[in-house]
Amino acid sequence: MDARLAELLALAFRTVRGAEANEAIAAVRAEEGAAGQLARSVEVVLLPDATWSWFAHNVLPRLVYHLESVKARPPDYGRLVFSVFAGEKLRFVRAADFVPGAARLSGVTVGDLYDRHGTGELRTAVQDREHPLLLPAKRK
């Protein structure tokens, strides 16, 4: 396995055999959830010949886009967990560890990842005093 992918997977807090996936994913969702709600799990499959370049260009952008689209943003990422199938093993990595790790291994910041691959939606209200948004007049 590619050294950088191996380093990213080393962030896993639990590893099980792939054959135990259904039970393990259900257990992790329950354990990682908050206030009686299940945590969200996103499954990722890494093929045996996966390289960092392939991951960084094909998988990471989609993961970041998905995270932002479900409002899973730093610092807790909505308690989302990545369930990563690699070979015969299933590794669980918290998004709060995975995304910063992927950013570091890519040589960018988490903000850079969201800027490049996120939804592009503004997270704050637009404040343009020169060109205010005019609302229609109230009807009587």
C-alpha atoms as a PDB file:
ATOM      1  CA  MET A   1       0.000   0.000   0.000  1.00  0.00           C
ATOM      2  CA  ASP A   2       1.089   3.547  -0.732  1.00  0.00           C
ATOM      3  CA  ALA A   3       2.982   5.021   2.246  1.00  0.00           C
ATOM      4  CA  ARG A   4       0.770   8.115   2.552  1.00  0.00           C
ATOM      5  CA  LEU A   5      -2.416   6.042   2.400  1.00  0.00           C
ATOM      6  CA  ALA A   6      -0.969   3.766   5.063  1.00  0.00           C
ATOM      7  CA  GLU A   7      -0.195   6.814   7.216  1.00  0.00           C
ATOM      8  CA  LEU A   8      -3.760   8.065   6.792  1.00  0.00           C
ATOM      9  CA  LEU A   9      -5.204   4.663   7.710  1.00  0.00           C
ATOM     10  CA  ALA A  10      -2.939   4.540  10.762  1.00  0.00           C
ATOM     11  CA  LEU A  11      -5.281   7.191  12.228  1.00  0.00           C
ATOM     12  CA  ALA A  12      -7.948   4.499  12.615  1.00  0.00           C
ATOM     13  CA  PHE A  13      -9.372   4.089  16.104  1.00  0.00           C
ATOM     14  CA  ARG A  14     -10.654   0.585  15.315  1.00  0.00           C
ATOM     15  CA  THR A  15      -9.824  -2.110  12.791  1.00  0.00           C
ATOM     16  CA  VAL A  16     -11.888  -5.225  12.110  1.00  0.00           C
ATOM     17  CA  ARG A  17     -12.057  -7.932   9.470  1.00  0.00           C
ATOM     18  CA  GLY A  18     -14.066  -6.868   6.439  1.00  0.00           C
ATOM     19  CA  ALA A  19     -16.398  -9.820   7.003  1.00  0.00           C
ATOM     20  CA  GLU A  20     -17.562  -8.141  10.233  1.00  0.00           C
ATOM     21  CA  ALA A  21     -18.458  -4.876   8.467  1.00  0.00           C
ATOM     22  CA  ASN A  22     -22.211  -4.707   9.062  1.00  0.00           C
ATOM     23  CA  GLU A  23     -22.033  -5.334  12.797  1.00  0.00           C
ATOM     24  CA  ALA A  24     -18.937  -3.185  13.253  1.00  0.00           C
ATOM     25  CA  ILE A  25     -20.367  -0.201  11.359  1.00  0.00           C
ATOM     26  CA  ALA A  26     -23.585  -0.367  13.385  1.00  0.00           C
ATOM     27  CA  ALA A  27     -21.609  -0.526  16.635  1.00  0.00           C
ATOM     28  CA  VAL A  28     -19.331   2.389  15.714  1.00  0.00           C
ATOM     29  CA  ARG A  29     -22.285   4.545  14.641  1.00  0.00           C
ATOM     30  CA  ALA A  30     -23.920   3.933  18.013  1.00  0.00           C
ATOM     31  CA  GLU A  31     -20.713   4.541  19.997  1.00  0.00           C
ATOM     32  CA  GLU A  32     -19.667   7.675  18.118  1.00  0.00           C
ATOM     33  CA  GLY A  33     -23.130   9.236  18.073  1.00  0.00           C
ATOM     34  CA  ALA A  34     -24.279  11.889  20.509  1.00  0.00           C
ATOM     35  CA  ALA A  35     -27.447  12.384  22.546  1.00  0.00           C
ATOM     36  CA  GLY A  36     -29.008   9.117  21.446  1.00  0.00           C
ATOM     37  CA  GLN A  37     -28.437   9.757  17.732  1.00  0.00           C
ATOM     38  CA  LEU A  38     -26.321   7.563  15.499  1.00  0.00           C
ATOM     39  CA  ALA A  39     -23.178   8.973  13.985  1.00  0.00           C
ATOM     40  CA  ARG A  40     -23.017   9.098  10.200  1.00  0.00           C
ATOM     41  CA  SER A  41     -20.712   6.643   8.454  1.00  0.00           C
ATOM     42  CA  VAL A  42     -19.281   7.163   4.986  1.00  0.00           C
ATOM     43  CA  GLU A  43     -17.863   4.031   3.395  1.00  0.00           C
ATOM     44  CA  VAL A  44     -14.707   4.275   1.299  1.00  0.00           C
ATOM     45  CA  VAL A  45     -13.175   1.396  -0.667  1.00  0.00           C
ATOM     46  CA  LEU A  46      -9.465   1.494  -1.451  1.00  0.00           C
ATOM     47  CA  LEU A  47      -8.399  -0.945  -4.145  1.00  0.00           C
ATOM     48  CA  PRO A  48      -5.171  -2.890  -3.552  1.00  0.00           C
ATOM     49  CA  ASP A  49      -3.296  -0.849  -6.157  1.00  0.00           C
ATOM     50  CA  ALA A  50      -4.571   2.527  -4.869  1.00  0.00           C
ATOM     51  CA  THR A  51      -1.999   5.298  -4.857  1.00  0.00           C
ATOM     52  CA  TRP A  52      -1.977   8.601  -3.017  1.00  0.00           C
ATOM     53  CA  SER A  53      -2.266  10.440  -6.309  1.00  0.00           C
ATOM     54  CA  TRP A  54      -5.407   8.487  -7.235  1.00  0.00           C
ATOM     55  CA  PHE A  55      -6.892   9.064  -3.780  1.00  0.00           C
ATOM     56  CA  ALA A  56      -6.059  12.796  -3.745  1.00  0.00           C
ATOM     57  CA  HIS A  57      -7.514  13.398  -7.223  1.00  0.00           C
ATOM     58  CA  ASN A  58     -10.508  11.049  -7.269  1.00  0.00           C
ATOM     59  CA  VAL A  59     -11.636  10.308  -3.735  1.00  0.00           C
ATOM     60  CA  LEU A  60     -10.640  13.211  -1.494  1.00  0.00           C
ATOM     61  CA  PRO A  61     -12.435  15.908  -3.531  1.00  0.00           C
ATOM     62  CA  ARG A  62     -15.677  13.900  -3.426  1.00  0.00           C
ATOM     63  CA  LEU A  63     -15.341  13.261   0.295  1.00  0.00           C
ATOM     64  CA  VAL A  64     -14.792  16.950   1.050  1.00  0.00           C
ATOM     65  CA  TYR A  65     -17.730  17.936  -1.157  1.00  0.00           C
ATOM     66  CA  HIS A  66     -19.926  15.395   0.610  1.00  0.00           C
ATOM     67  CA  LEU A  67     -18.801  16.564   4.043  1.00  0.00           C
ATOM     68  CA  GLU A  68     -19.670  20.155   3.279  1.00  0.00           C
ATOM     69  CA  SER A  69     -22.963  19.224   1.624  1.00  0.00           C
ATOM     70  CA  VAL A  70     -24.099  17.476   4.827  1.00  0.00           C
ATOM     71  CA  LYS A  71     -22.711  20.360   6.934  1.00  0.00           C
ATOM     72  CA  ALA A  72     -19.941  18.190   8.408  1.00  0.00           C
ATOM     73  CA  ARG A  73     -17.406  20.945   8.998  1.00  0.00           C
ATOM     74  CA  PRO A  74     -14.438  21.439  11.306  1.00  0.00           C
ATOM     75  CA  PRO A  75     -13.771  21.004  14.122  1.00  0.00           C
ATOM     76  CA  ASP A  76     -16.056  18.025  14.904  1.00  0.00           C
ATOM     77  CA  TYR A  77     -17.300  17.270  11.362  1.00  0.00           C
ATOM     78  CA  GLY A  78     -20.704  16.327  12.719  1.00  0.00           C
ATOM     79  CA  ARG A  79     -19.159  13.309  14.430  1.00  0.00           C
ATOM     80  CA  LEU A  80     -18.918  11.633  11.022  1.00  0.00           C
ATOM     81  CA  VAL A  81     -16.810   8.481  10.710  1.00  0.00           C
ATOM     82  CA  PHE A  82     -15.123   7.104   7.610  1.00  0.00           C
ATOM     83  CA  SER A  83     -15.389   3.343   7.276  1.00  0.00           C
ATOM     84  CA  VAL A  84     -12.456   2.502   5.022  1.00  0.00           C
ATOM     85  CA  PHE A  85     -12.258  -0.900   3.360  1.00  0.00           C
ATOM     86  CA  ALA A  86      -8.675  -1.707   2.394  1.00  0.00           C
ATOM     87  CA  GLY A  87      -7.809  -5.285   1.576  1.00  0.00           C
ATOM     88  CA  GLU A  88      -9.359  -7.684   4.081  1.00  0.00           C
ATOM     89  CA  LYS A  89      -9.658  -5.021   6.764  1.00  0.00           C
ATOM     90  CA  LEU A  90     -12.155  -2.335   7.634  1.00  0.00           C
ATOM     91  CA  ARG A  91     -10.731   0.665   9.436  1.00  0.00           C
ATOM     92  CA  PHE A  92     -12.723   3.341  11.204  1.00  0.00           C
ATOM     93  CA  VAL A  93     -11.304   6.858  11.147  1.00  0.00           C
ATOM     94  CA  ARG A  94     -13.081   9.882  12.592  1.00  0.00           C
ATOM     95  CA  ALA A  95     -13.498  12.639  10.013  1.00  0.00           C
ATOM     96  CA  ALA A  96     -11.994  14.983  12.629  1.00  0.00           C
ATOM     97  CA  ASP A  97      -8.745  12.985  12.262  1.00  0.00           C
ATOM     98  CA  PHE A  98      -9.059  11.916   8.620  1.00  0.00           C
ATOM     99  CA  VAL A  99      -9.548  15.303   6.957  1.00  0.00           C
ATOM    100  CA  PRO A 100      -6.726  17.129   8.788  1.00  0.00           C
ATOM    101  CA  GLY A 101      -4.492  14.104   8.144  1.00  0.00           C
ATOM    102  CA  ALA A 102      -5.328  14.095   4.442  1.00  0.00           C
ATOM    103  CA  ALA A 103      -4.736  17.842   4.265  1.00  0.00           C
ATOM    104  CA  ARG A 104      -1.345  17.522   5.984  1.00  0.00           C
ATOM    105  CA  LEU A 105      -0.313  14.657   3.696  1.00  0.00           C
ATOM    106  CA  SER A 106      -1.412  16.757   0.694  1.00  0.00           C
ATOM    107  CA  GLY A 107       0.607  19.761   1.881  1.00  0.00           C
ATOM    108  CA  VAL A 108      -2.437  22.019   2.253  1.00  0.00           C
ATOM    109  CA  THR A 109      -4.724  23.211   5.030  1.00  0.00           C
ATOM    110  CA  VAL A 110      -8.201  21.920   5.776  1.00  0.00           C
ATOM    111  CA  GLY A 111      -9.507  25.314   4.655  1.00  0.00           C
ATOM    112  CA  ASP A 112      -7.740  24.851   1.331  1.00  0.00           C
ATOM    113  CA  LEU A 113      -9.467  21.481   0.860  1.00  0.00           C
ATOM    114  CA  TYR A 114     -12.875  23.019   1.555  1.00  0.00           C
ATOM    115  CA  ASP A 115     -12.120  25.997  -0.721  1.00  0.00           C
ATOM    116  CA  ARG A 116     -11.024  23.724  -3.573  1.00  0.00           C
ATOM    117  CA  HIS A 117     -13.528  20.887  -3.270  1.00  0.00           C
ATOM    118  CA  GLY A 118     -16.393  22.130  -1.127  1.00  0.00           C
ATOM    119  CA  THR A 119     -19.796  23.265  -2.309  1.00  0.00           C
ATOM    120  CA  GLY A 120     -18.707  26.879  -2.665  1.00  0.00           C
ATOM    121  CA  GLU A 121     -21.584  28.090  -0.533  1.00  0.00           C
ATOM    122  CA  LEU A 122     -21.016  31.115   1.654  1.00  0.00           C
ATOM    123  CA  ARG A 123     -21.076  30.395   5.367  1.00  0.00           C
ATOM    124  CA  THR A 124     -21.933  33.949   6.374  1.00  0.00           C
ATOM    125  CA  ALA A 125     -24.413  36.528   5.204  1.00  0.00           C
ATOM    126  CA  VAL A 126     -23.413  38.708   2.289  1.00  0.00           C
ATOM    127  CA  GLN A 127     -22.499  42.190   3.486  1.00  0.00           C
ATOM    128  CA  ASP A 128     -22.303  44.499   0.499  1.00  0.00           C
ATOM    129  CA  ARG A 129     -23.196  48.029   1.609  1.00  0.00           C
ATOM    130  CA  GLU A 130     -22.602  49.527  -1.839  1.00  0.00           C
ATOM    131  CA  HIS A 131     -25.065  47.160  -3.550  1.00  0.00           C
ATOM    132  CA  PRO A 132     -27.712  46.231  -1.005  1.00  0.00           C
ATOM    133  CA  LEU A 133     -30.245  43.574  -1.834  1.00  0.00           C
ATOM    134  CA  LEU A 134     -33.508  45.407  -2.399  1.00  0.00           C
ATOM    135  CA  LEU A 135     -36.581  43.571  -1.245  1.00  0.00           C
ATOM    136  CA  PRO A 136     -39.939  44.193  -2.862  1.00  0.00           C
ATOM    137  CA  ALA A 137     -42.221  46.744  -1.203  1.00  0.00           C
ATOM    138  CA  LYS A 138     -44.780  45.411   1.239  1.00  0.00           C
ATOM    139  CA  ARG A 139     -48.198  44.789  -0.193  1.00  0.00           C
ATOM    140  CA  LYS A 140     -51.151  46.473   1.465  1.00  0.00           C
END
